[in-house]
């Protein structure tokens, strides 16, 4: 497993630009994030890699919500969650889903509730940033009210494309676990040819699956054809579902409807990769006895270290740009 992960995230395919950046800084004798004040609050196993990467880049890092974790982090200080903690922060880094609808920050390594309140947001300097994977309305409104820049990493094309790799691998794992056939030779549908859909369809094709791709636009129809997939328009989905083993949905709106599920064979399995609540009528699928699985956030489940590196890479690029603009770097 270690060799496999190193091959995935250590190769120049996606890490090249970041490696070059680090090498330049080393040659200049400069630490990448020296002087940057970061508060990292809550999160899951992905954040452990983010912490490690940020401390290696010499950021001044304070972490909150890790009191049940025995692993020491050299270079990171533990703090108590209070508005005073944020008064000098250049960035507040939140988990993949920043807060819930009440402002509670997801945590895995503490029993303490961390809640981002109006007082916390008011304490942040106006030039600071709140950085998360994706933000719910509560967090968006709070940042807008206090005129704090909010950065949603999962909206960035580069992060989404990098994350599509562990997403596709996790989806394959679920497909193998929940079917009694091989991927090779199976009849698959991928719905949506966006950043995740491209990787999913190409991975299935590489394993020998027969891949149909549902698209909405004519140019994507042409691209799918050029790539060797069998494209169809979404309006034709129900007719295409008659002899399908696996459906992988990446569209976060209701697309796998009762009408579509009614046409699926009993053996079919639906793996919905869209963000909650997904794009599948799960109630009707259960009624018909068809296995339908909602699987958002797969990178953090199947490859948290890789997912953490992806987040840390983007964080470093964002914060390094700010640091140089302020003149803190040569």
C-alpha atoms as a PDB file:
ATOM      1  CA  UNK A   1       0.000   0.000   0.000  1.00  0.00           C
ATOM      2  CA  UNK A   2       2.824   2.416   0.812  1.00  0.00           C
ATOM      3  CA  UNK A   3       4.383   1.955  -2.615  1.00  0.00           C
ATOM      4  CA  UNK A   4       1.025   2.374  -4.307  1.00  0.00           C
ATOM      5  CA  UNK A   5       0.299   5.659  -2.484  1.00  0.00           C
ATOM      6  CA  UNK A   6       3.752   7.001  -3.236  1.00  0.00           C
ATOM      7  CA  UNK A   7       3.205   6.277  -6.904  1.00  0.00           C
ATOM      8  CA  UNK A   8      -0.143   8.047  -6.838  1.00  0.00           C
ATOM      9  CA  UNK A   9       0.746  11.260  -5.054  1.00  0.00           C
ATOM     10  CA  UNK A  10       4.500  11.447  -5.400  1.00  0.00           C
ATOM     11  CA  UNK A  11       4.812  11.392  -9.152  1.00  0.00           C
ATOM     12  CA  UNK A  12       5.306  14.553 -11.206  1.00  0.00           C
ATOM     13  CA  UNK A  13       1.838  14.170 -12.775  1.00  0.00           C
ATOM     14  CA  UNK A  14       0.152  16.397 -10.192  1.00  0.00           C
ATOM     15  CA  UNK A  15       2.884  17.240  -7.710  1.00  0.00           C
ATOM     16  CA  UNK A  16       5.391  18.619 -10.227  1.00  0.00           C
ATOM     17  CA  UNK A  17       4.446  22.281  -9.928  1.00  0.00           C
ATOM     18  CA  UNK A  18       4.418  22.093  -6.140  1.00  0.00           C
ATOM     19  CA  UNK A  19       7.768  20.281  -6.027  1.00  0.00           C
ATOM     20  CA  UNK A  20       9.308  22.928  -8.268  1.00  0.00           C
ATOM     21  CA  UNK A  21       7.922  25.641  -5.977  1.00  0.00           C
ATOM     22  CA  UNK A  22       9.428  23.973  -2.911  1.00  0.00           C
ATOM     23  CA  UNK A  23      12.765  23.492  -4.651  1.00  0.00           C
ATOM     24  CA  UNK A  24      12.922  27.150  -5.612  1.00  0.00           C
ATOM     25  CA  UNK A  25      12.290  28.159  -2.021  1.00  0.00           C
ATOM     26  CA  UNK A  26      14.953  25.773  -0.766  1.00  0.00           C
ATOM     27  CA  UNK A  27      17.461  27.194  -3.223  1.00  0.00           C
ATOM     28  CA  UNK A  28      16.617  30.696  -2.006  1.00  0.00           C
ATOM     29  CA  UNK A  29      17.163  29.519   1.556  1.00  0.00           C
ATOM     30  CA  UNK A  30      13.611  30.547   2.402  1.00  0.00           C
ATOM     31  CA  UNK A  31      11.022  28.601   4.348  1.00  0.00           C
ATOM     32  CA  UNK A  32       7.771  28.648   2.414  1.00  0.00           C
ATOM     33  CA  UNK A  33       5.271  29.896   5.009  1.00  0.00           C
ATOM     34  CA  UNK A  34       7.510  31.519   7.604  1.00  0.00           C
ATOM     35  CA  UNK A  35       5.577  34.133   9.529  1.00  0.00           C
ATOM     36  CA  UNK A  36       2.129  33.039   8.341  1.00  0.00           C
ATOM     37  CA  UNK A  37      -0.254  32.654  11.298  1.00  0.00           C
ATOM     38  CA  UNK A  38      -2.695  29.784  10.755  1.00  0.00           C
ATOM     39  CA  UNK A  39      -5.407  28.415  13.037  1.00  0.00           C
ATOM     40  CA  UNK A  40      -6.655  24.947  12.060  1.00  0.00           C
ATOM     41  CA  UNK A  41      -9.873  23.872  13.763  1.00  0.00           C
ATOM     42  CA  UNK A  42     -11.421  20.399  13.730  1.00  0.00           C
ATOM     43  CA  UNK A  43     -11.494  17.854  10.961  1.00  0.00           C
ATOM     44  CA  UNK A  44     -10.798  14.217  10.283  1.00  0.00           C
ATOM     45  CA  UNK A  45      -7.772  12.132   9.266  1.00  0.00           C
ATOM     46  CA  UNK A  46      -7.130  14.399   6.279  1.00  0.00           C
ATOM     47  CA  UNK A  47      -6.260  17.250   8.610  1.00  0.00           C
ATOM     48  CA  UNK A  48      -3.432  15.242  10.160  1.00  0.00           C
ATOM     49  CA  UNK A  49      -1.572  15.351   6.864  1.00  0.00           C
ATOM     50  CA  UNK A  50      -2.461  19.025   6.417  1.00  0.00           C
ATOM     51  CA  UNK A  51      -0.943  19.761   9.835  1.00  0.00           C
ATOM     52  CA  UNK A  52       2.221  17.848   8.975  1.00  0.00           C
ATOM     53  CA  UNK A  53       2.628  19.621   5.644  1.00  0.00           C
ATOM     54  CA  UNK A  54       2.035  23.096   7.074  1.00  0.00           C
ATOM     55  CA  UNK A  55       4.505  22.612   9.920  1.00  0.00           C
ATOM     56  CA  UNK A  56       7.114  21.362   7.452  1.00  0.00           C
ATOM     57  CA  UNK A  57       6.644  24.638   5.570  1.00  0.00           C
ATOM     58  CA  UNK A  58       7.378  26.557   8.780  1.00  0.00           C
ATOM     59  CA  UNK A  59       3.916  28.077   9.223  1.00  0.00           C
ATOM     60  CA  UNK A  60       3.044  29.373  12.693  1.00  0.00           C
ATOM     61  CA  UNK A  61       0.294  26.833  13.274  1.00  0.00           C
ATOM     62  CA  UNK A  62      -2.197  26.545  16.131  1.00  0.00           C
ATOM     63  CA  UNK A  63      -4.511  23.529  16.126  1.00  0.00           C
ATOM     64  CA  UNK A  64      -7.825  23.143  17.945  1.00  0.00           C
ATOM     65  CA  UNK A  65      -9.874  19.993  18.398  1.00  0.00           C
ATOM     66  CA  UNK A  66      -7.139  17.366  18.611  1.00  0.00           C
ATOM     67  CA  UNK A  67      -6.946  16.749  22.373  1.00  0.00           C
ATOM     68  CA  UNK A  68      -7.834  13.028  22.039  1.00  0.00           C
ATOM     69  CA  UNK A  69      -4.961  12.484  19.627  1.00  0.00           C
ATOM     70  CA  UNK A  70      -1.802  11.064  21.139  1.00  0.00           C
ATOM     71  CA  UNK A  71       0.363  11.843  18.110  1.00  0.00           C
ATOM     72  CA  UNK A  72       2.595  14.860  18.826  1.00  0.00           C
ATOM     73  CA  UNK A  73       2.919  17.509  16.137  1.00  0.00           C
ATOM     74  CA  UNK A  74       6.330  19.129  16.176  1.00  0.00           C
ATOM     75  CA  UNK A  75       5.960  22.784  15.264  1.00  0.00           C
ATOM     76  CA  UNK A  76       2.217  23.031  15.981  1.00  0.00           C
ATOM     77  CA  UNK A  77       0.771  24.483  19.171  1.00  0.00           C
ATOM     78  CA  UNK A  78      -2.541  23.370  20.667  1.00  0.00           C
ATOM     79  CA  UNK A  79      -4.970  26.145  21.478  1.00  0.00           C
ATOM     80  CA  UNK A  80      -8.327  26.688  23.168  1.00  0.00           C
ATOM     81  CA  UNK A  81     -11.238  27.602  20.907  1.00  0.00           C
ATOM     82  CA  UNK A  82     -12.000  31.248  21.604  1.00  0.00           C
ATOM     83  CA  UNK A  83     -12.315  34.495  19.627  1.00  0.00           C
ATOM     84  CA  UNK A  84      -9.014  35.682  21.120  1.00  0.00           C
ATOM     85  CA  UNK A  85      -7.226  32.839  19.352  1.00  0.00           C
ATOM     86  CA  UNK A  86      -8.148  34.325  15.965  1.00  0.00           C
ATOM     87  CA  UNK A  87      -7.152  37.963  16.442  1.00  0.00           C
ATOM     88  CA  UNK A  88      -3.816  37.609  14.633  1.00  0.00           C
ATOM     89  CA  UNK A  89      -4.654  34.765  12.255  1.00  0.00           C
ATOM     90  CA  UNK A  90      -3.836  35.124   8.571  1.00  0.00           C
ATOM     91  CA  UNK A  91      -6.058  32.131   7.867  1.00  0.00           C
ATOM     92  CA  UNK A  92      -8.619  29.973   9.631  1.00  0.00           C
ATOM     93  CA  UNK A  93      -8.558  26.483   8.135  1.00  0.00           C
ATOM     94  CA  UNK A  94     -11.738  24.459   8.596  1.00  0.00           C
ATOM     95  CA  UNK A  95     -12.546  20.831   7.690  1.00  0.00           C
ATOM     96  CA  UNK A  96     -13.815  19.592   4.328  1.00  0.00           C
ATOM     97  CA  UNK A  97     -17.351  20.666   5.253  1.00  0.00           C
ATOM     98  CA  UNK A  98     -16.598  23.827   7.200  1.00  0.00           C
ATOM     99  CA  UNK A  99     -19.551  23.906   9.598  1.00  0.00           C
ATOM    100  CA  UNK A 100     -23.027  22.486   9.847  1.00  0.00           C
ATOM    101  CA  UNK A 101     -26.140  24.636   9.555  1.00  0.00           C
ATOM    102  CA  UNK A 102     -25.728  25.787  13.167  1.00  0.00           C
ATOM    103  CA  UNK A 103     -22.052  26.688  12.907  1.00  0.00           C
ATOM    104  CA  UNK A 104     -20.685  23.537  14.563  1.00  0.00           C
ATOM    105  CA  UNK A 105     -17.302  22.490  13.164  1.00  0.00           C
ATOM    106  CA  UNK A 106     -16.991  18.729  12.478  1.00  0.00           C
ATOM    107  CA  UNK A 107     -14.423  17.103  14.755  1.00  0.00           C
ATOM    108  CA  UNK A 108     -13.092  13.575  15.075  1.00  0.00           C
ATOM    109  CA  UNK A 109     -10.359  13.930  17.679  1.00  0.00           C
ATOM    110  CA  UNK A 110     -12.127  15.753  20.510  1.00  0.00           C
ATOM    111  CA  UNK A 111     -15.267  15.495  22.623  1.00  0.00           C
ATOM    112  CA  UNK A 112     -15.441  19.283  22.818  1.00  0.00           C
ATOM    113  CA  UNK A 113     -17.974  21.070  20.601  1.00  0.00           C
ATOM    114  CA  UNK A 114     -16.361  23.685  18.386  1.00  0.00           C
ATOM    115  CA  UNK A 115     -18.822  26.293  17.178  1.00  0.00           C
ATOM    116  CA  UNK A 116     -17.929  29.140  14.857  1.00  0.00           C
ATOM    117  CA  UNK A 117     -19.899  32.091  16.168  1.00  0.00           C
ATOM    118  CA  UNK A 118     -20.351  35.721  15.251  1.00  0.00           C
ATOM    119  CA  UNK A 119     -17.757  36.614  17.893  1.00  0.00           C
ATOM    120  CA  UNK A 120     -15.151  34.328  16.283  1.00  0.00           C
ATOM    121  CA  UNK A 121     -15.720  35.840  12.850  1.00  0.00           C
ATOM    122  CA  UNK A 122     -15.562  39.371  14.234  1.00  0.00           C
ATOM    123  CA  UNK A 123     -12.197  38.595  15.831  1.00  0.00           C
ATOM    124  CA  UNK A 124     -10.580  37.633  12.519  1.00  0.00           C
ATOM    125  CA  UNK A 125      -8.475  40.377  10.906  1.00  0.00           C
ATOM    126  CA  UNK A 126     -10.119  41.848   7.808  1.00  0.00           C
ATOM    127  CA  UNK A 127      -7.228  40.693   5.623  1.00  0.00           C
ATOM    128  CA  UNK A 128      -7.507  37.096   6.808  1.00  0.00           C
ATOM    129  CA  UNK A 129      -9.135  34.178   4.990  1.00  0.00           C
ATOM    130  CA  UNK A 130     -11.421  31.345   5.982  1.00  0.00           C
ATOM    131  CA  UNK A 131     -10.443  28.258   4.000  1.00  0.00           C
ATOM    132  CA  UNK A 132     -12.562  25.124   3.811  1.00  0.00           C
ATOM    133  CA  UNK A 133     -13.466  22.389   1.372  1.00  0.00           C
ATOM    134  CA  UNK A 134     -17.074  23.434   0.850  1.00  0.00           C
ATOM    135  CA  UNK A 135     -19.220  25.885   2.771  1.00  0.00           C
ATOM    136  CA  UNK A 136     -22.836  25.659   3.858  1.00  0.00           C
ATOM    137  CA  UNK A 137     -25.033  28.786   3.943  1.00  0.00           C
ATOM    138  CA  UNK A 138     -24.248  29.465   7.628  1.00  0.00           C
ATOM    139  CA  UNK A 139     -20.533  29.872   6.938  1.00  0.00           C
ATOM    140  CA  UNK A 140     -21.079  31.857   3.757  1.00  0.00           C
ATOM    141  CA  UNK A 141     -23.393  34.331   5.492  1.00  0.00           C
ATOM    142  CA  UNK A 142     -21.010  34.718   8.442  1.00  0.00           C
ATOM    143  CA  UNK A 143     -18.072  35.532   6.168  1.00  0.00           C
ATOM    144  CA  UNK A 144     -20.160  37.918   4.088  1.00  0.00           C
ATOM    145  CA  UNK A 145     -21.365  39.735   7.204  1.00  0.00           C
ATOM    146  CA  UNK A 146     -17.824  40.331   8.447  1.00  0.00           C
ATOM    147  CA  UNK A 147     -16.314  40.796   4.977  1.00  0.00           C
ATOM    148  CA  UNK A 148     -13.904  37.921   5.435  1.00  0.00           C
ATOM    149  CA  UNK A 149     -12.736  36.189   2.271  1.00  0.00           C
ATOM    150  CA  UNK A 150     -14.055  32.624   2.060  1.00  0.00           C
ATOM    151  CA  UNK A 151     -12.180  30.114  -0.080  1.00  0.00           C
ATOM    152  CA  UNK A 152     -13.850  26.806  -0.939  1.00  0.00           C
ATOM    153  CA  UNK A 153     -11.080  24.478  -2.084  1.00  0.00           C
ATOM    154  CA  UNK A 154     -13.401  21.902  -3.637  1.00  0.00           C
ATOM    155  CA  UNK A 155     -14.663  24.547  -6.055  1.00  0.00           C
ATOM    156  CA  UNK A 156     -11.164  24.859  -7.521  1.00  0.00           C
ATOM    157  CA  UNK A 157     -10.639  22.862 -10.695  1.00  0.00           C
ATOM    158  CA  UNK A 158      -7.205  21.626  -9.642  1.00  0.00           C
ATOM    159  CA  UNK A 159      -8.398  20.290  -6.267  1.00  0.00           C
ATOM    160  CA  UNK A 160     -11.485  18.664  -7.804  1.00  0.00           C
ATOM    161  CA  UNK A 161      -9.403  16.948 -10.479  1.00  0.00           C
ATOM    162  CA  UNK A 162      -6.830  15.681  -7.973  1.00  0.00           C
ATOM    163  CA  UNK A 163      -9.640  14.461  -5.708  1.00  0.00           C
ATOM    164  CA  UNK A 164     -11.229  12.610  -8.613  1.00  0.00           C
ATOM    165  CA  UNK A 165      -8.388  10.067  -8.394  1.00  0.00           C
ATOM    166  CA  UNK A 166      -9.176   8.720  -4.891  1.00  0.00           C
ATOM    167  CA  UNK A 167     -12.891   9.188  -5.630  1.00  0.00           C
ATOM    168  CA  UNK A 168     -12.680   6.868  -8.636  1.00  0.00           C
ATOM    169  CA  UNK A 169     -10.608   4.337  -6.683  1.00  0.00           C
ATOM    170  CA  UNK A 170     -13.088   4.391  -3.805  1.00  0.00           C
ATOM    171  CA  UNK A 171     -16.021   3.988  -6.180  1.00  0.00           C
ATOM    172  CA  UNK A 172     -14.320   0.980  -7.764  1.00  0.00           C
ATOM    173  CA  UNK A 173     -13.784  -0.523  -4.325  1.00  0.00           C
ATOM    174  CA  UNK A 174     -17.497  -0.132  -3.555  1.00  0.00           C
ATOM    175  CA  UNK A 175     -18.464  -1.597  -6.925  1.00  0.00           C
ATOM    176  CA  UNK A 176     -16.298  -4.662  -6.349  1.00  0.00           C
ATOM    177  CA  UNK A 177     -17.634  -5.137  -2.810  1.00  0.00           C
ATOM    178  CA  UNK A 178     -21.272  -4.847  -3.844  1.00  0.00           C
ATOM    179  CA  UNK A 179     -21.410  -6.919  -7.034  1.00  0.00           C
ATOM    180  CA  UNK A 180     -20.641 -10.524  -7.948  1.00  0.00           C
ATOM    181  CA  UNK A 181     -19.100  -9.727 -11.349  1.00  0.00           C
ATOM    182  CA  UNK A 182     -15.830  -8.285 -12.552  1.00  0.00           C
ATOM    183  CA  UNK A 183     -15.519  -4.680 -13.655  1.00  0.00           C
ATOM    184  CA  UNK A 184     -13.986  -6.034 -16.860  1.00  0.00           C
ATOM    185  CA  UNK A 185     -16.800  -6.722 -19.272  1.00  0.00           C
ATOM    186  CA  UNK A 186     -19.460  -5.068 -17.119  1.00  0.00           C
ATOM    187  CA  UNK A 187     -21.992  -2.621 -18.534  1.00  0.00           C
ATOM    188  CA  UNK A 188     -21.539   0.718 -16.804  1.00  0.00           C
ATOM    189  CA  UNK A 189     -23.109   4.151 -16.985  1.00  0.00           C
ATOM    190  CA  UNK A 190     -21.349   7.293 -15.759  1.00  0.00           C
ATOM    191  CA  UNK A 191     -23.666  10.265 -15.357  1.00  0.00           C
ATOM    192  CA  UNK A 192     -21.930  13.578 -15.871  1.00  0.00           C
ATOM    193  CA  UNK A 193     -18.657  14.127 -17.666  1.00  0.00           C
ATOM    194  CA  UNK A 194     -17.271  16.762 -15.347  1.00  0.00           C
ATOM    195  CA  UNK A 195     -14.085  16.632 -13.321  1.00  0.00           C
ATOM    196  CA  UNK A 196     -15.026  13.450 -11.441  1.00  0.00           C
ATOM    197  CA  UNK A 197     -16.993  11.900 -14.289  1.00  0.00           C
ATOM    198  CA  UNK A 198     -14.047  12.064 -16.686  1.00  0.00           C
ATOM    199  CA  UNK A 199     -11.764  10.210 -14.290  1.00  0.00           C
ATOM    200  CA  UNK A 200     -14.452   7.674 -13.368  1.00  0.00           C
ATOM    201  CA  UNK A 201     -15.302   6.852 -16.977  1.00  0.00           C
ATOM    202  CA  UNK A 202     -11.673   6.627 -18.044  1.00  0.00           C
ATOM    203  CA  UNK A 203     -10.805   4.352 -15.092  1.00  0.00           C
ATOM    204  CA  UNK A 204     -13.674   1.983 -15.882  1.00  0.00           C
ATOM    205  CA  UNK A 205     -12.690   1.937 -19.536  1.00  0.00           C
ATOM    206  CA  UNK A 206      -9.083   1.100 -18.616  1.00  0.00           C
ATOM    207  CA  UNK A 207     -10.330  -1.929 -16.665  1.00  0.00           C
ATOM    208  CA  UNK A 208     -12.234  -3.238 -19.667  1.00  0.00           C
ATOM    209  CA  UNK A 209     -15.749  -2.119 -18.797  1.00  0.00           C
ATOM    210  CA  UNK A 210     -18.240  -1.102 -21.474  1.00  0.00           C
ATOM    211  CA  UNK A 211     -18.861   2.520 -20.570  1.00  0.00           C
ATOM    212  CA  UNK A 212     -21.856   4.655 -21.497  1.00  0.00           C
ATOM    213  CA  UNK A 213     -21.734   8.318 -20.527  1.00  0.00           C
ATOM    214  CA  UNK A 214     -24.766  10.522 -19.916  1.00  0.00           C
ATOM    215  CA  UNK A 215     -24.247  14.157 -20.919  1.00  0.00           C
ATOM    216  CA  UNK A 216     -26.349  17.285 -21.317  1.00  0.00           C
ATOM    217  CA  UNK A 217     -24.408  19.312 -23.884  1.00  0.00           C
ATOM    218  CA  UNK A 218     -23.559  18.519 -27.491  1.00  0.00           C
ATOM    219  CA  UNK A 219     -19.880  19.387 -27.062  1.00  0.00           C
ATOM    220  CA  UNK A 220     -19.592  16.884 -24.191  1.00  0.00           C
ATOM    221  CA  UNK A 221     -21.360  14.301 -26.353  1.00  0.00           C
ATOM    222  CA  UNK A 222     -18.664  14.822 -28.985  1.00  0.00           C
ATOM    223  CA  UNK A 223     -15.863  14.661 -26.398  1.00  0.00           C
ATOM    224  CA  UNK A 224     -17.221  11.411 -24.946  1.00  0.00           C
ATOM    225  CA  UNK A 225     -17.397   9.915 -28.427  1.00  0.00           C
ATOM    226  CA  UNK A 226     -13.835  11.027 -29.163  1.00  0.00           C
ATOM    227  CA  UNK A 227     -12.640   9.325 -25.967  1.00  0.00           C
ATOM    228  CA  UNK A 228     -14.176   6.009 -26.970  1.00  0.00           C
ATOM    229  CA  UNK A 229     -17.194   6.058 -24.647  1.00  0.00           C
ATOM    230  CA  UNK A 230     -20.764   5.495 -25.772  1.00  0.00           C
ATOM    231  CA  UNK A 231     -22.472   8.845 -25.153  1.00  0.00           C
ATOM    232  CA  UNK A 232     -26.164   9.567 -24.775  1.00  0.00           C
ATOM    233  CA  UNK A 233     -28.226  12.575 -23.731  1.00  0.00           C
ATOM    234  CA  UNK A 234     -29.644  12.607 -20.209  1.00  0.00           C
ATOM    235  CA  UNK A 235     -33.184  12.732 -21.548  1.00  0.00           C
ATOM    236  CA  UNK A 236     -32.575   9.199 -22.859  1.00  0.00           C
ATOM    237  CA  UNK A 237     -31.374   7.777 -19.527  1.00  0.00           C
ATOM    238  CA  UNK A 238     -34.378   5.544 -18.803  1.00  0.00           C
ATOM    239  CA  UNK A 239     -34.066   3.831 -22.179  1.00  0.00           C
ATOM    240  CA  UNK A 240     -30.330   3.285 -21.674  1.00  0.00           C
ATOM    241  CA  UNK A 241     -30.797   1.632 -18.263  1.00  0.00           C
ATOM    242  CA  UNK A 242     -32.198  -1.698 -19.464  1.00  0.00           C
ATOM    243  CA  UNK A 243     -29.042  -3.848 -19.394  1.00  0.00           C
ATOM    244  CA  UNK A 244     -26.784  -2.039 -16.919  1.00  0.00           C
ATOM    245  CA  UNK A 245     -24.706  -3.532 -14.125  1.00  0.00           C
ATOM    246  CA  UNK A 246     -23.405  -0.347 -12.524  1.00  0.00           C
ATOM    247  CA  UNK A 247     -24.421   3.314 -12.512  1.00  0.00           C
ATOM    248  CA  UNK A 248     -21.999   5.937 -11.184  1.00  0.00           C
ATOM    249  CA  UNK A 249     -23.712   9.278 -10.683  1.00  0.00           C
ATOM    250  CA  UNK A 250     -21.755  12.517 -10.261  1.00  0.00           C
ATOM    251  CA  UNK A 251     -24.652  14.983 -10.693  1.00  0.00           C
ATOM    252  CA  UNK A 252     -26.011  16.541  -7.448  1.00  0.00           C
ATOM    253  CA  UNK A 253     -29.600  16.842  -8.679  1.00  0.00           C
ATOM    254  CA  UNK A 254     -32.317  14.189  -8.947  1.00  0.00           C
ATOM    255  CA  UNK A 255     -31.295  12.326 -12.106  1.00  0.00           C
ATOM    256  CA  UNK A 256     -31.664   8.618 -11.235  1.00  0.00           C
ATOM    257  CA  UNK A 257     -35.408   8.871 -10.795  1.00  0.00           C
ATOM    258  CA  UNK A 258     -38.024   6.220 -10.123  1.00  0.00           C
ATOM    259  CA  UNK A 259     -38.679   6.068 -13.867  1.00  0.00           C
ATOM    260  CA  UNK A 260     -34.995   5.246 -14.495  1.00  0.00           C
ATOM    261  CA  UNK A 261     -34.756   2.753 -11.613  1.00  0.00           C
ATOM    262  CA  UNK A 262     -37.865   0.966 -12.873  1.00  0.00           C
ATOM    263  CA  UNK A 263     -35.956   0.098 -16.051  1.00  0.00           C
ATOM    264  CA  UNK A 264     -32.854  -1.262 -14.287  1.00  0.00           C
ATOM    265  CA  UNK A 265     -32.321  -5.018 -13.989  1.00  0.00           C
ATOM    266  CA  UNK A 266     -32.463  -6.419 -10.466  1.00  0.00           C
ATOM    267  CA  UNK A 267     -28.714  -7.061 -10.444  1.00  0.00           C
ATOM    268  CA  UNK A 268     -27.832  -3.373 -10.982  1.00  0.00           C
ATOM    269  CA  UNK A 269     -25.962  -1.339  -8.379  1.00  0.00           C
ATOM    270  CA  UNK A 270     -26.089   2.460  -8.148  1.00  0.00           C
ATOM    271  CA  UNK A 271     -23.112   4.310  -6.644  1.00  0.00           C
ATOM    272  CA  UNK A 272     -23.935   7.977  -6.140  1.00  0.00           C
ATOM    273  CA  UNK A 273     -20.817  10.130  -5.864  1.00  0.00           C
ATOM    274  CA  UNK A 274     -22.617  13.474  -5.750  1.00  0.00           C
ATOM    275  CA  UNK A 275     -22.713  15.579  -2.599  1.00  0.00           C
ATOM    276  CA  UNK A 276     -25.602  14.950  -0.195  1.00  0.00           C
ATOM    277  CA  UNK A 277     -28.449  14.227  -0.758  1.00  0.00           C
ATOM    278  CA  UNK A 278     -27.167  12.836  -4.069  1.00  0.00           C
ATOM    279  CA  UNK A 279     -29.086  12.463  -7.297  1.00  0.00           C
ATOM    280  CA  UNK A 280     -30.839   9.129  -6.757  1.00  0.00           C
ATOM    281  CA  UNK A 281     -34.319   8.170  -5.580  1.00  0.00           C
ATOM    282  CA  UNK A 282     -32.996   5.939  -2.819  1.00  0.00           C
ATOM    283  CA  UNK A 283     -36.455   5.197  -1.443  1.00  0.00           C
ATOM    284  CA  UNK A 284     -37.684   3.740  -4.715  1.00  0.00           C
ATOM    285  CA  UNK A 285     -34.426   1.835  -5.254  1.00  0.00           C
ATOM    286  CA  UNK A 286     -34.866   0.169  -1.862  1.00  0.00           C
ATOM    287  CA  UNK A 287     -38.488  -0.618  -2.679  1.00  0.00           C
ATOM    288  CA  UNK A 288     -37.398  -2.353  -5.881  1.00  0.00           C
ATOM    289  CA  UNK A 289     -34.600  -4.224  -4.113  1.00  0.00           C
ATOM    290  CA  UNK A 290     -31.867  -2.470  -6.091  1.00  0.00           C
ATOM    291  CA  UNK A 291     -28.711  -1.626  -4.212  1.00  0.00           C
ATOM    292  CA  UNK A 292     -28.132   2.145  -4.176  1.00  0.00           C
ATOM    293  CA  UNK A 293     -25.248   3.658  -2.199  1.00  0.00           C
ATOM    294  CA  UNK A 294     -24.603   7.328  -1.438  1.00  0.00           C
ATOM    295  CA  UNK A 295     -20.851   7.847  -1.313  1.00  0.00           C
ATOM    296  CA  UNK A 296     -19.816  11.498  -0.998  1.00  0.00           C
ATOM    297  CA  UNK A 297     -16.412  12.427   0.430  1.00  0.00           C
ATOM    298  CA  UNK A 298     -14.641   9.259  -0.693  1.00  0.00           C
ATOM    299  CA  UNK A 299     -11.130  10.826  -0.767  1.00  0.00           C
ATOM    300  CA  UNK A 300     -11.241  11.362   2.996  1.00  0.00           C
ATOM    301  CA  UNK A 301     -12.491   7.818   3.572  1.00  0.00           C
ATOM    302  CA  UNK A 302     -10.352   5.683   1.279  1.00  0.00           C
ATOM    303  CA  UNK A 303      -7.194   7.819   1.047  1.00  0.00           C
ATOM    304  CA  UNK A 304      -7.089  10.446   3.823  1.00  0.00           C
ATOM    305  CA  UNK A 305      -3.334  10.958   3.549  1.00  0.00           C
ATOM    306  CA  UNK A 306      -3.516  11.603  -0.183  1.00  0.00           C
ATOM    307  CA  UNK A 307      -6.570  13.828   0.291  1.00  0.00           C
ATOM    308  CA  UNK A 308      -4.719  15.739   3.001  1.00  0.00           C
ATOM    309  CA  UNK A 309      -1.767  16.323   0.702  1.00  0.00           C
ATOM    310  CA  UNK A 310      -4.068  17.673  -1.980  1.00  0.00           C
ATOM    311  CA  UNK A 311      -5.601  20.136   0.501  1.00  0.00           C
ATOM    312  CA  UNK A 312      -2.212  21.136   1.899  1.00  0.00           C
ATOM    313  CA  UNK A 313      -0.838  21.703  -1.589  1.00  0.00           C
ATOM    314  CA  UNK A 314      -3.608  24.165  -2.448  1.00  0.00           C
ATOM    315  CA  UNK A 315      -3.416  25.835   0.955  1.00  0.00           C
ATOM    316  CA  UNK A 316       0.289  26.428   0.476  1.00  0.00           C
ATOM    317  CA  UNK A 317      -0.196  27.944  -2.960  1.00  0.00           C
ATOM    318  CA  UNK A 318      -2.906  30.301  -1.678  1.00  0.00           C
ATOM    319  CA  UNK A 319      -1.033  31.379   1.441  1.00  0.00           C
ATOM    320  CA  UNK A 320       2.320  31.659  -0.281  1.00  0.00           C
ATOM    321  CA  UNK A 321       0.795  34.066  -2.782  1.00  0.00           C
ATOM    322  CA  UNK A 322      -0.537  36.231   0.059  1.00  0.00           C
ATOM    323  CA  UNK A 323       2.748  36.072   1.933  1.00  0.00           C
ATOM    324  CA  UNK A 324       4.740  37.305  -1.051  1.00  0.00           C
ATOM    325  CA  UNK A 325       2.245  40.097  -1.717  1.00  0.00           C
ATOM    326  CA  UNK A 326       2.814  41.300   1.855  1.00  0.00           C
ATOM    327  CA  UNK A 327       6.553  41.236   1.265  1.00  0.00           C
ATOM    328  CA  UNK A 328       7.312  38.529   3.797  1.00  0.00           C
ATOM    329  CA  UNK A 329       9.148  36.421   1.257  1.00  0.00           C
ATOM    330  CA  UNK A 330      12.178  37.388  -0.838  1.00  0.00           C
END
